[in-house]
Every structure is written in structure tokens, then in C-alpha cells.
Protein backbone atom coordinates (compact mmCIF):
# COMPACT_ATOMS: atom_id res chain seq x y z
CA UNK A 1 30.65 -8.74 19.93
CA UNK A 2 29.90 -6.70 23.29
CA UNK A 3 27.67 -4.19 23.21
CA UNK A 4 28.96 -0.93 25.71
CA UNK A 5 26.68 1.61 26.80
CA UNK A 6 27.21 5.06 25.80
CA UNK A 7 29.75 7.10 27.66
CA UNK A 8 27.32 9.41 29.18
CA UNK A 9 24.61 6.88 30.39
CA UNK A 10 26.37 6.13 33.91
CA UNK A 11 27.29 9.59 34.70
CA UNK A 12 23.58 10.61 33.94
CA UNK A 13 22.30 7.96 36.12
CA UNK A 14 25.03 9.17 38.90
CA UNK A 15 23.81 12.61 38.60
CA UNK A 16 20.47 11.62 38.88
CA UNK A 17 21.22 9.83 42.14
CA UNK A 18 23.23 12.45 43.55
CA UNK A 19 20.62 15.01 42.75
CA UNK A 20 17.62 13.03 44.26
CA UNK A 21 19.95 11.53 47.30
CA UNK A 22 20.57 7.78 47.95
CA UNK A 23 18.87 8.35 51.47
CA UNK A 24 15.73 9.66 49.54
CA UNK A 25 15.73 6.70 47.22
CA UNK A 26 15.75 4.21 50.04
CA UNK A 27 13.11 5.93 51.99
CA UNK A 28 10.81 6.34 49.00
CA UNK A 29 11.43 2.16 48.41
CA UNK A 30 10.28 1.81 52.08
CA UNK A 31 7.47 3.83 52.30
CA UNK A 32 6.32 2.02 48.95
CA UNK A 33 6.77 -1.29 50.40
CA UNK A 34 5.36 -0.73 53.88
CA UNK A 35 1.23 -1.05 53.01
CA UNK A 36 2.24 -4.21 51.24
CA UNK A 37 4.17 -6.20 54.25
CA UNK A 38 2.17 -4.00 56.94
CA UNK A 39 -1.23 -4.84 58.45
CA UNK A 40 -4.10 -2.58 57.98
CA UNK A 41 -3.59 -1.54 61.63
CA UNK A 42 0.15 -0.28 60.95
CA UNK A 43 -0.75 0.82 57.54
CA UNK A 44 -3.26 3.20 59.22
CA UNK A 45 -2.49 3.90 62.70
CA UNK A 46 1.15 4.06 62.50
CA UNK A 47 1.96 4.78 58.67
CA UNK A 48 -0.71 7.61 57.79
CA UNK A 49 -1.29 9.24 61.12
CA UNK A 50 2.33 9.64 61.24
CA UNK A 51 2.29 10.83 57.97
CA UNK A 52 -0.79 13.52 58.82
CA UNK A 53 0.99 14.83 62.02
CA UNK A 54 4.51 14.85 59.88
CA UNK A 55 2.79 17.48 57.73
CA UNK A 56 1.83 19.56 60.59
CA UNK A 57 5.61 19.30 62.00
CA UNK A 58 6.64 20.00 58.38
CA UNK A 59 4.15 23.25 58.68
CA UNK A 60 5.95 24.11 61.93
CA UNK A 61 9.24 23.42 60.71
CA UNK A 62 9.00 25.60 57.65
CA UNK A 63 8.01 28.60 60.15
CA UNK A 64 10.45 27.83 63.06
CA UNK A 65 13.39 26.65 60.86
CA UNK A 66 13.55 29.17 57.85
CA UNK A 67 11.52 31.63 59.48
CA UNK A 68 12.47 32.04 63.17
CA UNK A 69 8.66 32.02 64.33
CA UNK A 70 7.72 29.02 66.65
CA UNK A 71 3.82 28.61 66.29
CA UNK A 72 1.56 26.59 68.79
CA UNK A 73 -1.61 27.38 66.42
CA UNK A 74 -0.50 24.69 63.56
CA UNK A 75 -3.26 22.20 65.13
CA UNK A 76 -5.64 24.82 64.93
CA UNK A 77 -5.23 25.85 61.69
CA UNK A 78 -5.68 22.21 60.69
CA UNK A 79 -8.90 22.16 62.70
CA UNK A 80 -10.41 24.91 60.51
CA UNK A 81 -9.91 23.21 57.49
CA UNK A 82 -11.09 20.08 59.27
CA UNK A 83 -14.49 22.09 60.16
CA UNK A 84 -14.61 23.14 56.79
CA UNK A 85 -15.10 20.07 55.61
CA UNK A 86 -17.19 18.93 58.21
CA UNK A 87 -19.64 21.71 57.86
CA UNK A 88 -19.75 22.08 54.18
CA UNK A 89 -19.23 18.44 53.10
CA UNK A 90 -21.57 16.09 54.74
CA UNK A 91 -21.88 14.77 58.85
CA UNK A 92 -24.22 12.72 60.60
CA UNK A 93 -24.76 15.26 63.20
CA UNK A 94 -27.64 16.92 61.53
CA UNK A 95 -26.20 20.33 61.91
CA UNK A 96 -24.96 22.04 58.46
CA UNK A 97 -23.30 19.62 56.07
CA UNK A 98 -24.27 21.41 53.01
CA UNK A 99 -22.93 18.47 50.76
CA UNK A 100 -20.35 20.19 48.75
CA UNK A 101 -18.53 17.68 46.58
CA UNK A 102 -14.87 17.00 47.26
CA UNK A 103 -13.06 18.63 44.47
CA UNK A 104 -14.64 22.16 45.55
CA UNK A 105 -14.77 21.45 49.13
CA UNK A 106 -11.00 20.50 49.33
CA UNK A 107 -9.54 23.30 47.62
CA UNK A 108 -12.01 25.84 49.66
CA UNK A 109 -10.96 24.13 53.15
CA UNK A 110 -7.50 24.80 52.28
CA UNK A 111 -7.67 28.13 51.14
CA UNK A 112 -9.62 28.98 54.42
CA UNK A 113 -7.00 27.28 56.40
CA UNK A 114 -4.47 29.62 54.58
CA UNK A 115 -6.09 32.75 55.05
CA UNK A 116 -6.63 31.99 58.84
CA UNK A 117 -3.02 31.13 59.17
CA UNK A 118 -2.17 34.40 57.25
CA UNK A 119 -4.31 36.31 59.75
CA UNK A 120 -2.81 34.69 62.76
CA UNK A 121 0.82 35.38 61.33
CA UNK A 122 -0.26 39.15 60.39
CA UNK A 123 -1.02 39.37 64.32
CA UNK A 124 1.98 37.55 65.69
CA UNK A 125 4.90 38.50 63.63
CA UNK A 126 4.93 41.92 65.31
CA UNK A 127 6.86 39.93 68.31
CA UNK A 128 9.30 37.49 68.15
CA UNK A 129 10.80 35.08 70.64
CA UNK A 130 8.57 34.01 73.51
CA UNK A 131 5.80 36.50 72.77
CA UNK A 132 5.18 34.84 69.38
CA UNK A 133 4.75 31.71 71.07
CA UNK A 134 2.47 33.24 73.73
CA UNK A 135 0.02 34.65 70.93
CA UNK A 136 -0.14 31.57 68.81
CA UNK A 137 -0.66 29.88 71.98
CA UNK A 138 -3.75 32.14 72.96
CA UNK A 139 -5.29 31.71 69.61
CA UNK A 140 -5.20 27.97 70.09
CA UNK A 141 -6.51 28.17 73.38
CA UNK A 142 -9.29 30.58 72.62
CA UNK A 143 -10.39 28.54 69.03
CA UNK A 144 -10.36 25.35 71.65
CA UNK A 145 -12.98 27.09 73.89
CA UNK A 146 -14.66 28.53 71.19
CA UNK A 147 -15.51 25.43 69.33
CA UNK A 148 -16.70 23.68 72.76
CA UNK A 149 -18.77 26.29 73.52
CA UNK A 150 -20.39 27.41 70.19
CA UNK A 151 -23.36 25.09 68.94
CA UNK A 152 -24.69 27.22 66.34
CA UNK A 153 -21.60 27.08 63.88
CA UNK A 154 -19.50 24.29 65.35
CA UNK A 155 -21.98 22.10 67.51
CA UNK A 156 -20.02 22.51 70.23
CA UNK A 157 -18.71 19.62 72.78
CA UNK A 158 -20.02 16.85 70.17
CA UNK A 159 -18.61 18.34 67.14
CA UNK A 160 -19.22 16.58 64.01
CA UNK A 161 -19.23 12.51 63.20
CA UNK A 162 -19.87 10.85 60.02
CA UNK A 163 -17.32 12.65 58.03
CA UNK A 164 -16.40 10.40 55.19
CA UNK A 165 -13.76 10.70 52.64
CA UNK A 166 -14.70 10.87 49.04
CA UNK A 167 -15.05 7.83 46.82
CA UNK A 168 -13.64 8.29 43.54
CA UNK A 169 -13.32 6.12 40.50
CA UNK A 170 -14.88 3.59 42.84
CA UNK A 171 -12.03 3.52 45.54
CA UNK A 172 -12.90 4.64 48.78
CA UNK A 173 -10.22 6.52 50.08
CA UNK A 174 -10.78 5.65 53.57
CA UNK A 175 -9.58 2.11 52.78
CA UNK A 176 -6.10 1.51 54.69
CA UNK A 177 -4.12 1.05 51.24
CA UNK A 178 -5.62 3.87 49.39
CA UNK A 179 -5.81 6.31 52.45
CA UNK A 180 -2.19 5.45 53.19
CA UNK A 181 -0.94 6.13 49.54
CA UNK A 182 -2.96 9.07 49.44
CA UNK A 183 -1.59 10.55 52.90
CA UNK A 184 2.00 9.69 51.29
CA UNK A 185 1.48 11.68 48.13
CA UNK A 186 0.29 14.76 49.61
CA UNK A 187 3.13 14.66 52.38
CA UNK A 188 5.76 14.06 49.39
CA UNK A 189 4.07 17.25 47.54
CA UNK A 190 4.48 19.50 50.84
CA UNK A 191 7.92 18.02 51.50
CA UNK A 192 9.11 18.85 47.82
CA UNK A 193 7.38 21.97 47.91
CA UNK A 194 9.27 23.10 51.18
CA UNK A 195 12.33 21.82 49.85
CA UNK A 196 12.08 23.52 46.99
CA UNK A 197 10.87 26.92 48.81
CA UNK A 198 13.50 27.07 50.69
CA UNK A 199 16.25 27.22 48.18
CA UNK A 200 14.20 30.13 45.76
CA UNK A 201 14.32 33.59 46.08
CA UNK A 202 11.76 33.95 48.56
CA UNK A 203 13.14 31.02 50.75
CA UNK A 204 16.32 32.25 51.18
CA UNK A 205 14.95 35.99 51.69
CA UNK A 206 12.80 34.56 54.63
CA UNK A 207 15.86 32.83 55.93
CA UNK A 208 18.12 36.07 55.68
CA UNK A 209 15.26 38.05 57.57
CA UNK A 210 15.35 35.17 60.32
CA UNK A 211 19.34 36.07 60.48
CA UNK A 212 18.78 39.90 60.66
CA UNK A 213 15.51 41.68 59.97
CA UNK A 214 17.19 45.21 60.73
CA UNK A 215 19.32 44.43 57.50
CA UNK A 216 16.76 43.06 55.44
CA UNK A 217 14.57 46.11 56.29
CA UNK A 218 17.62 48.48 55.36
CA UNK A 219 17.62 46.76 51.93
CA UNK A 220 14.29 47.67 51.21
CA UNK A 221 12.47 44.47 51.89
CA UNK A 222 9.06 44.41 53.43
CA UNK A 223 9.96 41.61 56.10
CA UNK A 224 6.21 41.94 57.59
CA UNK A 225 4.55 40.76 54.20
CA UNK A 226 7.63 38.14 53.45
CA UNK A 227 6.66 36.74 57.08
CA UNK A 228 3.03 37.09 56.63
CA UNK A 229 3.40 35.16 53.32
CA UNK A 230 5.29 32.32 54.94
CA UNK A 231 2.26 31.76 57.06
CA UNK A 232 0.10 31.82 54.28
CA UNK A 233 2.29 28.80 52.83
CA UNK A 234 2.22 27.16 56.15
CA UNK A 235 -1.30 27.13 56.37
CA UNK A 236 -1.52 25.35 53.16
CA UNK A 237 0.10 22.29 54.33
CA UNK A 238 -1.38 22.27 57.95
CA UNK A 239 -4.78 22.49 55.99
CA UNK A 240 -4.30 19.75 53.73
CA UNK A 241 -2.81 17.78 57.32
CA UNK A 242 -6.38 19.11 58.81
CA UNK A 243 -8.36 17.35 55.87
CA UNK A 244 -6.79 14.01 55.72
CA UNK A 245 -7.20 14.18 59.81
CA UNK A 246 -10.81 14.93 59.68
CA UNK A 247 -11.21 11.87 57.13
CA UNK A 248 -8.70 9.79 59.09
CA UNK A 249 -10.64 9.96 62.21
CA UNK A 250 -14.49 10.40 60.76
CA UNK A 251 -15.13 13.08 62.88
CA UNK A 252 -13.63 16.52 64.67
CA UNK A 253 -14.85 17.80 67.87
CA UNK A 254 -12.90 20.61 70.04
CA UNK A 255 -10.71 17.62 71.65
CA UNK A 256 -9.00 17.44 67.94
CA UNK A 257 -7.60 20.61 68.56
CA UNK A 258 -7.16 21.17 72.19
CA UNK A 259 -4.26 22.63 73.49
CA UNK A 260 -2.72 19.16 74.48
CA UNK A 261 -2.28 18.54 70.71
CA UNK A 262 -0.83 21.87 70.07
CA UNK A 263 2.17 21.06 72.30
CA UNK A 264 2.12 17.51 70.67
CA UNK A 265 2.91 19.06 67.53
CA UNK A 266 5.84 21.35 68.39
CA UNK A 267 7.13 18.01 70.50
CA UNK A 268 6.98 15.94 67.31
CA UNK A 269 8.66 18.83 65.41
CA UNK A 270 11.64 19.56 68.15
CA UNK A 271 12.26 15.56 68.49
CA UNK A 272 12.61 15.30 64.93
CA UNK A 273 14.69 18.36 64.17
CA UNK A 274 13.97 21.79 62.68
CA UNK A 275 17.09 21.60 60.38
CA UNK A 276 15.28 19.74 57.70
CA UNK A 277 11.98 19.23 56.38
CA UNK A 278 12.25 15.21 57.08
CA UNK A 279 12.66 16.01 60.61
CA UNK A 280 9.23 16.33 61.70
CA UNK A 281 8.13 13.25 59.91
CA UNK A 282 10.87 11.39 62.22
CA UNK A 283 9.75 12.93 65.05
CA UNK A 284 5.82 11.88 64.11
CA UNK A 285 6.97 8.39 63.99
CA UNK A 286 8.76 8.18 67.29
CA UNK A 287 5.81 10.19 69.04
CA UNK A 288 3.04 7.93 67.56
CA UNK A 289 4.77 4.64 67.83
CA UNK A 290 4.83 5.70 71.76
CA UNK A 291 1.55 6.62 71.88
CA UNK A 292 0.26 3.45 70.62
CA UNK A 293 2.55 1.38 72.38
CA UNK A 294 4.25 2.63 75.60
CA UNK A 295 1.05 3.92 76.73
CA UNK A 296 0.07 0.31 77.42
CA UNK A 297 3.36 0.01 79.16
CA UNK A 298 3.50 2.63 81.21
CA UNK A 299 -0.10 3.97 81.62
CA UNK A 300 -2.11 7.16 80.81
CA UNK A 301 -1.10 8.79 83.94
CA UNK A 302 2.45 8.63 83.06
CA UNK A 303 2.68 8.63 79.31
CA UNK A 304 3.32 12.43 79.22
CA UNK A 305 6.09 12.15 81.89
CA UNK A 306 7.26 9.89 79.67
CA UNK A 307 7.03 12.11 76.39
CA UNK A 308 8.57 14.82 78.54
CA UNK A 309 11.63 12.97 79.77
CA UNK A 310 12.36 11.56 76.33
CA UNK A 311 11.88 15.37 74.84
CA UNK A 312 14.36 16.72 77.73
CA UNK A 313 16.86 13.87 76.89
CA UNK A 314 17.21 14.41 73.01
CA UNK A 315 17.27 18.20 73.29
CA UNK A 316 20.21 18.33 75.95
CA UNK A 317 21.86 15.44 74.00
CA UNK A 318 21.11 16.96 70.67
CA UNK A 319 19.18 20.36 70.49
CA UNK A 320 18.86 19.09 66.71
CA UNK A 321 16.78 16.46 67.51
CA UNK A 322 16.82 13.09 65.94
CA UNK A 323 18.86 14.69 62.87
CA UNK A 324 21.22 16.13 65.04
CA UNK A 325 22.36 12.95 66.53
CA UNK A 326 22.26 11.37 62.86
CA UNK A 327 24.71 13.87 61.78
CA UNK A 328 26.88 13.44 65.24
CA UNK A 329 26.77 9.42 64.09
CA UNK A 330 27.72 10.13 60.67
CA UNK A 331 30.75 12.77 61.91
CA UNK A 332 32.18 9.70 64.17
CA UNK A 333 32.04 7.13 62.17
CA UNK A 334 33.48 9.07 59.37
CA UNK A 335 37.19 7.42 57.92
CA UNK A 336 38.78 10.81 58.94
CA UNK A 337 37.26 10.96 62.37
CA UNK A 338 38.29 7.18 62.82
CA UNK A 339 41.99 8.19 61.97
CA UNK A 340 42.43 11.41 64.08
CA UNK A 341 40.91 9.42 67.17
CA UNK A 342 43.78 7.03 66.65
């Protein structure tokens, strides 16, 4: 006698896969297996580092893709969280280092970053287009020079060294595999949060505001507060990335938040694509791989030229970045398109 499965079991599994997406499941499997087959170098310098900068790109994608607000201040927001960890946590610079426990320090640093992001948003949302970009660039530049020249609070040019990740339940979270999974877990939470927020009432209102501010104001929506709150949420993501970045490097200095780093976040996001939250992570992998390996081939002097050429090629071929190229490839390989070509 054979035992047949309940009739609703297979449809239920299919519905679950359809809701999650086969691509998401395949990607999750690759990310979970990756640290077990890769060396410590690839696990941290490629895997974890790409996840951190993917989160920074995700915070920009949330603002630009759903809110129509392009920001060059995301690395600045991340740096504020990183400096908060170094100042109120522990460091080896003999400057500040108040020794707060990580479970108090992390939420506090994220809150400071989110409030700073909301402040930048409050200043910049009254403009649009190139003016928003210039205001956020001015904020990033001012913060860089302020941190470099202020020794009382930021310890000036040297910054802070000896910033250690916490040890929880006997696990050092800066060890390669624990740090990778910590970065992966935080990145997944941020990714899912952006997906959820984009389909929420607030997210739909933000996208409608992006498309037609005048109509949304006529309908009674407070456009300015919606945009400022979007900046607050982006600051949470950037703040989490900043904490992971300072734990990754073990230090933070003005060089961490310079203008070049701010532009790199923009390049990562545009290369990956602004249409979907997965885009910044794809862009981060491409740029981090190039920074790690291509710089030895073309040299440090020509590396920025190479990045610029890649950026121009992708933008000209596909304004939607790597995701746009993928969509074009899928459309071209679809059965209907092949029949139409014949």
C-alpha cells in the first residue's frame, strides 16, 4: 500500500517557494555555504566587506530608488555610528573610550546615526535633483574636514584604533566566520526591512511622493515629514553598516569617511541597480572584487580610471545597472522572444 501525500501539501510548498522566490532561496544557499568553502581572506575581505558596503548602498537605494533623493552622505552617517562606537566603547588611542557594553552601545550608535541622517534629510529635502546631491556632498566634505581637524572629540587625523568587536557567549565576533554570519544576518534583516517597507503604506506613499509631490500635497500628505522619516530609516541601515565597518577595520579615522568613500557608495549602488534592494549588494561584490584584485593589475594610479570606465559602460548600456542587464538577458532568452526573432 502506498501512502499518498495530503493534497494540499505540494501546493503549500509551491506557494511558499513562490512567495519567497526561487532566486532568493538559491542565493541564500550560496551565502550560507560560502564561508565553509572559502578561505578566511575571501570570507572577510570579499564576503563580509561586500555585505557591509552593500548595506551602505542599500541605504542609498532606499532614498534614491523609492524616494528620489540621491545622497552622498551615507558613508558620513556610517562614520558617525563608527565614531560613536569608538568614543563610547573601547579603543587604544587613550582618548575617550568610556567602555560602554555592546548591548547599550550598538542601539545608541544606531540612534545617533539615524538622528544625524534625519537632520541631513531635514536640510536637504527642501531641494531636489542636483541641489540635493550638492547639499549632501557639502555635508560629507564638512564632516571629513571637521573630523580631521578636531582632536578633542574625534582625535583628529589618527582617529581611533584598537576598536574591538564584542565577545558574546565565548565567541569573538571579529573572527572570520562569526563576523561573516553577523554581517550576513544584519544585511538580510535590512534587506527584508526595505522590501517590507517598500510595500507598506508608508513606502507606497513615499514612491507616490517621488513621482508627484504636488499631487500628494494636494491630497493632504506631509511630504516633508515623509521624506525626513525616510532619511531616518536610511540612517538606521547606514548606522548598522558603520558599526560593522569599524569592527571590521578595528579602527576609524577621517580617511574612512572621505569624499572618495562617499562616491564609492554611489558607484556601487548605480552599478548594481536602483530598481531593487538586491542591486547594491551585486554592485558591492563587483567593486570589492575589482578593488581587491584589479588594482594589482592596472596599478593604484589607474584603478580609479578603470572604475570610472566600468561605471560609464554600465550606465550607457543599462541605466538600471547589473539588474537591468539581467532583465534584458531574461527578456531576450524568453521563449516568446526567440519565436518572434524567428
